[in-house]
């Protein structure tokens, strides 16, 4: 199998894709000619009012990735919490999207970082230089899934939420698509998921967190909706004592109406390899 061709920097294509819609406010400010770097990320940060800060109170800043074995305070999550510094690799799609999600969803990203840090300080998964392996508990597992593959699902209709939780994909995405448009939304959150969205494929699935909203939410301007979701997720992370991957539900993203050409055809939703019934897969 031939390796995939390198991805070219194409802001226009991302601005036309519904998968990247939450990032459009930041993408629209980027240079169309070249892949952004630390200077561009920090310039966008400087434009934010009020300034973005992590929960320790330190202002956020994107810095170069450090290599080698690092002491605890220099590792990714502790350094972010203690110094406000997000280690970022140059010319890296994964880290680009991490930076963009920080710009759009700063409160919830700070909340994820703070919970990671508190868990590490408490000894859950803390590694000293030279140690290998993972000791993450279910709380940090959920945080990581949300950060990498999360989808925020605002919902004003409990019945639709039940369809999503029960994997009733065709009923939700096909038979109720008109109802869906005004009562449930899907917002990519995980930066790893955005990287996958550069080359969408059947099988592409996010980890959804359903957030209850009032019906008027779907008539708000997009910037207000993004701010509300950021605040709602930050509040959820602050108020939920025990986090678990069980709190998330899979979302077959190409099935969201309008997110793929396949979503215009009823037969697409008969593909049980993608739209898997609960009894066969996705149970935690």
Protein backbone atom coordinates (compact mmCIF):
# COMPACT_ATOMS: atom_id res chain seq x y z
CA UNK A 1 0.00 0.00 0.00
CA UNK A 2 1.39 3.38 -1.01
CA UNK A 3 1.73 5.90 1.83
CA UNK A 4 -0.73 8.77 1.73
CA UNK A 5 0.53 11.92 0.07
CA UNK A 6 1.57 14.67 2.47
CA UNK A 7 -1.24 17.03 3.31
CA UNK A 8 -1.00 20.51 1.90
CA UNK A 9 -1.88 23.63 3.86
CA UNK A 10 -5.33 24.61 2.60
CA UNK A 11 -7.27 27.02 4.80
CA UNK A 12 -10.02 27.46 2.20
CA UNK A 13 -10.87 23.76 2.25
CA UNK A 14 -11.16 23.71 6.04
CA UNK A 15 -13.31 26.83 5.99
CA UNK A 16 -15.72 25.07 3.62
CA UNK A 17 -15.99 21.89 5.70
CA UNK A 18 -18.71 21.48 8.35
CA UNK A 19 -16.35 19.22 10.29
CA UNK A 20 -14.10 22.22 11.01
CA UNK A 21 -16.92 24.67 11.73
CA UNK A 22 -16.00 25.28 15.40
CA UNK A 23 -12.49 26.32 14.33
CA UNK A 24 -13.60 28.65 11.53
CA UNK A 25 -13.23 31.85 13.62
CA UNK A 26 -9.52 31.09 14.19
CA UNK A 27 -8.82 29.54 10.78
CA UNK A 28 -10.24 32.62 9.05
CA UNK A 29 -7.44 34.71 10.61
CA UNK A 30 -4.61 32.52 9.39
CA UNK A 31 -2.26 33.10 6.48
CA UNK A 32 -3.51 31.17 3.46
CA UNK A 33 -0.01 30.84 2.05
CA UNK A 34 1.83 28.85 4.72
CA UNK A 35 1.49 26.52 7.66
CA UNK A 36 1.34 28.56 10.89
CA UNK A 37 3.98 28.46 13.60
CA UNK A 38 4.41 29.50 17.20
CA UNK A 39 4.46 33.20 16.30
CA UNK A 40 1.06 32.92 14.60
CA UNK A 41 -0.47 30.95 17.47
CA UNK A 42 0.75 33.45 20.03
CA UNK A 43 -0.37 36.38 17.85
CA UNK A 44 -3.89 34.95 17.83
CA UNK A 45 -3.65 34.53 21.61
CA UNK A 46 -2.70 38.19 21.96
CA UNK A 47 -5.91 39.18 20.16
CA UNK A 48 -8.13 37.37 22.66
CA UNK A 49 -9.99 39.55 25.16
CA UNK A 50 -10.07 38.73 27.96
CA UNK A 51 -6.67 36.99 27.73
CA UNK A 52 -6.65 33.21 28.01
CA UNK A 53 -5.19 31.80 31.22
CA UNK A 54 -4.87 28.34 32.74
CA UNK A 55 -6.48 27.62 36.10
CA UNK A 56 -3.33 28.43 38.06
CA UNK A 57 -3.75 31.99 36.79
CA UNK A 58 -0.77 31.93 34.43
CA UNK A 59 -1.40 33.41 30.97
CA UNK A 60 -1.42 30.87 28.17
CA UNK A 61 1.53 30.74 25.79
CA UNK A 62 2.61 28.32 23.07
CA UNK A 63 6.27 27.26 23.33
CA UNK A 64 8.56 24.87 21.50
CA UNK A 65 8.39 21.20 22.37
CA UNK A 66 11.22 19.99 24.62
CA UNK A 67 12.80 16.60 23.98
CA UNK A 68 14.28 14.03 26.32
CA UNK A 69 13.43 12.96 29.83
CA UNK A 70 11.89 15.81 31.75
CA UNK A 71 11.30 16.32 35.48
CA UNK A 72 7.67 16.33 36.64
CA UNK A 73 7.27 20.13 36.45
CA UNK A 74 8.57 20.13 32.88
CA UNK A 75 6.21 17.46 31.56
CA UNK A 76 3.32 18.46 29.33
CA UNK A 77 0.35 18.77 31.70
CA UNK A 78 2.28 20.06 34.76
CA UNK A 79 4.14 22.66 32.72
CA UNK A 80 0.89 23.83 31.16
CA UNK A 81 -0.77 24.17 34.56
CA UNK A 82 2.19 25.65 36.47
CA UNK A 83 3.57 27.98 33.79
CA UNK A 84 0.77 28.34 31.25
CA UNK A 85 3.11 26.96 28.58
CA UNK A 86 1.72 24.58 25.96
CA UNK A 87 4.55 22.63 24.36
CA UNK A 88 3.95 22.68 20.61
CA UNK A 89 5.77 21.06 17.70
CA UNK A 90 6.44 23.07 14.56
CA UNK A 91 4.82 21.99 11.26
CA UNK A 92 2.64 19.50 13.09
CA UNK A 93 -1.06 19.11 12.31
CA UNK A 94 -1.89 17.51 15.65
CA UNK A 95 -0.40 20.39 17.62
CA UNK A 96 -1.92 22.96 15.26
CA UNK A 97 -5.38 21.70 16.11
CA UNK A 98 -4.55 21.57 19.80
CA UNK A 99 -3.64 25.26 19.62
CA UNK A 100 -6.83 26.12 17.71
CA UNK A 101 -9.03 24.29 20.22
CA UNK A 102 -7.35 26.27 23.02
CA UNK A 103 -8.27 29.46 21.15
CA UNK A 104 -11.92 28.49 20.68
CA UNK A 105 -12.59 26.55 23.89
CA UNK A 106 -10.18 28.05 26.46
CA UNK A 107 -12.15 27.48 29.65
CA UNK A 108 -12.78 23.79 29.06
CA UNK A 109 -9.23 23.14 27.85
CA UNK A 110 -7.98 24.77 31.06
CA UNK A 111 -10.39 22.59 33.05
CA UNK A 112 -9.09 19.42 31.37
CA UNK A 113 -5.51 20.47 32.10
CA UNK A 114 -6.32 21.25 35.75
CA UNK A 115 -7.95 17.85 36.31
CA UNK A 116 -5.01 16.09 34.69
CA UNK A 117 -2.62 18.05 36.90
CA UNK A 118 -4.52 17.36 40.11
CA UNK A 119 -4.65 13.65 39.27
CA UNK A 120 -0.92 13.60 38.59
CA UNK A 121 -0.13 15.39 41.85
CA UNK A 122 -2.28 12.82 43.65
CA UNK A 123 -0.11 10.12 42.09
CA UNK A 124 -2.45 8.83 39.38
CA UNK A 125 -0.25 8.06 36.42
CA UNK A 126 2.64 10.25 37.59
CA UNK A 127 5.92 9.23 35.98
CA UNK A 128 9.40 10.27 36.92
CA UNK A 129 12.19 10.48 34.31
CA UNK A 130 12.98 7.02 32.96
CA UNK A 131 9.65 5.44 33.87
CA UNK A 132 7.52 3.97 31.11
CA UNK A 133 3.98 2.70 30.73
CA UNK A 134 0.65 4.20 31.70
CA UNK A 135 -1.13 4.13 35.03
CA UNK A 136 -4.03 6.40 34.11
CA UNK A 137 -7.29 5.74 35.91
CA UNK A 138 -10.74 6.01 34.35
CA UNK A 139 -10.92 9.75 35.09
CA UNK A 140 -7.80 10.58 33.13
CA UNK A 141 -8.84 8.11 30.43
CA UNK A 142 -12.04 10.09 29.91
CA UNK A 143 -10.15 13.40 29.89
CA UNK A 144 -7.78 12.04 27.26
CA UNK A 145 -10.61 10.67 25.10
CA UNK A 146 -12.41 14.00 25.29
CA UNK A 147 -9.27 15.98 24.52
CA UNK A 148 -8.25 13.79 21.58
CA UNK A 149 -11.54 12.48 20.15
CA UNK A 150 -14.31 14.43 21.85
CA UNK A 151 -17.49 15.71 20.20
CA UNK A 152 -19.71 18.16 22.07
CA UNK A 153 -23.38 17.31 21.54
CA UNK A 154 -25.72 20.10 22.67
CA UNK A 155 -29.23 18.66 22.90
CA UNK A 156 -32.64 20.09 23.73
CA UNK A 157 -34.60 16.89 23.07
CA UNK A 158 -34.33 13.99 25.52
CA UNK A 159 -35.75 11.51 23.03
CA UNK A 160 -33.04 12.31 20.48
CA UNK A 161 -30.42 12.00 23.20
CA UNK A 162 -31.81 8.54 23.94
CA UNK A 163 -31.46 7.53 20.29
CA UNK A 164 -27.81 8.58 20.32
CA UNK A 165 -27.06 6.76 23.57
CA UNK A 166 -28.85 3.63 22.30
CA UNK A 167 -27.01 3.61 18.93
CA UNK A 168 -30.25 3.99 16.99
CA UNK A 169 -28.30 5.62 14.19
CA UNK A 170 -30.72 5.38 11.28
CA UNK A 171 -33.63 6.49 13.40
CA UNK A 172 -31.62 9.50 14.59
CA UNK A 173 -29.72 10.57 11.48
CA UNK A 174 -32.20 9.58 8.76
CA UNK A 175 -35.76 9.40 10.04
CA UNK A 176 -35.39 12.36 12.42
CA UNK A 177 -32.96 14.56 10.51
CA UNK A 178 -35.34 17.49 10.22
CA UNK A 179 -36.10 17.33 13.92
CA UNK A 180 -32.39 16.92 14.61
CA UNK A 181 -31.53 20.21 12.93
CA UNK A 182 -33.27 22.28 15.57
CA UNK A 183 -32.68 20.17 18.65
CA UNK A 184 -29.23 18.52 18.55
CA UNK A 185 -25.85 19.67 17.29
CA UNK A 186 -22.39 18.15 16.85
CA UNK A 187 -19.20 20.12 17.46
CA UNK A 188 -15.81 18.48 17.02
CA UNK A 189 -13.66 19.14 20.08
CA UNK A 190 -10.80 16.64 20.12
CA UNK A 191 -7.71 17.85 18.32
CA UNK A 192 -6.84 14.30 17.24
CA UNK A 193 -10.26 14.07 15.64
CA UNK A 194 -9.63 17.28 13.69
CA UNK A 195 -6.45 15.73 12.32
CA UNK A 196 -8.46 12.73 11.12
CA UNK A 197 -11.01 15.10 9.56
CA UNK A 198 -8.35 16.23 7.09
CA UNK A 199 -8.95 12.88 5.38
CA UNK A 200 -12.47 11.79 6.41
CA UNK A 201 -13.16 8.06 6.13
CA UNK A 202 -15.99 5.65 6.81
CA UNK A 203 -15.24 4.42 10.30
CA UNK A 204 -14.33 7.86 11.62
CA UNK A 205 -15.98 8.03 15.05
CA UNK A 206 -15.87 10.58 17.85
CA UNK A 207 -16.60 10.27 21.55
CA UNK A 208 -19.69 12.38 22.25
CA UNK A 209 -20.56 14.19 25.44
CA UNK A 210 -24.23 15.20 25.52
CA UNK A 211 -24.79 18.64 27.06
CA UNK A 212 -28.37 19.69 27.78
CA UNK A 213 -29.31 23.08 26.34
CA UNK A 214 -32.50 25.09 25.92
CA UNK A 215 -34.19 24.99 22.53
CA UNK A 216 -33.27 28.62 21.88
CA UNK A 217 -29.59 27.61 21.73
CA UNK A 218 -29.96 26.58 18.09
CA UNK A 219 -31.06 30.07 17.08
CA UNK A 220 -28.13 31.86 18.71
CA UNK A 221 -25.22 33.30 16.72
CA UNK A 222 -22.42 30.79 16.32
CA UNK A 223 -19.94 32.67 18.52
CA UNK A 224 -22.43 32.66 21.39
CA UNK A 225 -23.02 28.93 20.95
CA UNK A 226 -19.29 28.19 21.04
CA UNK A 227 -18.83 30.25 24.20
CA UNK A 228 -21.79 28.54 25.85
CA UNK A 229 -20.45 25.07 25.03
CA UNK A 230 -17.02 26.01 26.36
CA UNK A 231 -18.53 27.23 29.62
CA UNK A 232 -20.87 24.23 29.88
CA UNK A 233 -18.04 21.74 29.43
CA UNK A 234 -15.81 23.58 31.92
CA UNK A 235 -18.67 23.53 34.42
CA UNK A 236 -19.29 19.82 33.80
CA UNK A 237 -15.62 19.05 34.46
CA UNK A 238 -15.62 21.15 37.63
CA UNK A 239 -18.81 19.67 39.05
CA UNK A 240 -18.54 15.99 38.06
CA UNK A 241 -16.71 14.10 40.76
CA UNK A 242 -16.07 10.74 39.09
CA UNK A 243 -15.22 10.90 35.42
CA UNK A 244 -15.39 7.77 33.29
CA UNK A 245 -15.30 6.87 29.58
CA UNK A 246 -18.81 5.50 30.23
CA UNK A 247 -19.99 9.12 30.24
CA UNK A 248 -19.18 9.35 26.53
CA UNK A 249 -21.12 7.90 23.64
CA UNK A 250 -19.79 7.13 20.14
CA UNK A 251 -20.76 9.36 17.23
CA UNK A 252 -20.24 7.98 13.68
CA UNK A 253 -19.37 11.39 12.27
CA UNK A 254 -20.00 10.83 8.58
CA UNK A 255 -23.58 9.96 9.48
CA UNK A 256 -24.33 13.46 10.72
CA UNK A 257 -26.64 14.93 8.04
CA UNK A 258 -24.66 17.16 5.68
CA UNK A 259 -21.24 16.02 6.86
CA UNK A 260 -20.59 13.63 3.97
CA UNK A 261 -21.96 12.80 0.54
CA UNK A 262 -22.94 9.39 1.88
CA UNK A 263 -25.29 11.00 4.42
CA UNK A 264 -27.68 11.89 1.57
CA UNK A 265 -28.41 8.20 0.93
CA UNK A 266 -30.60 6.07 3.18
CA UNK A 267 -28.67 2.91 2.34
CA UNK A 268 -25.55 4.37 3.98
CA UNK A 269 -27.16 3.90 7.37
CA UNK A 270 -27.58 0.18 6.67
CA UNK A 271 -23.80 -0.28 6.91
CA UNK A 272 -23.58 -2.16 10.19
CA UNK A 273 -19.80 -2.15 9.97
CA UNK A 274 -19.90 1.59 10.63
CA UNK A 275 -23.27 2.09 12.33
CA UNK A 276 -22.78 -0.77 14.74
CA UNK A 277 -25.54 -1.91 17.07
CA UNK A 278 -24.78 -1.57 20.75
CA UNK A 279 -24.67 -5.27 21.43
CA UNK A 280 -21.77 -5.74 18.99
CA UNK A 281 -19.44 -2.88 19.84
CA UNK A 282 -18.75 0.39 21.64
CA UNK A 283 -19.87 -0.85 25.05
CA UNK A 284 -17.48 0.33 27.74
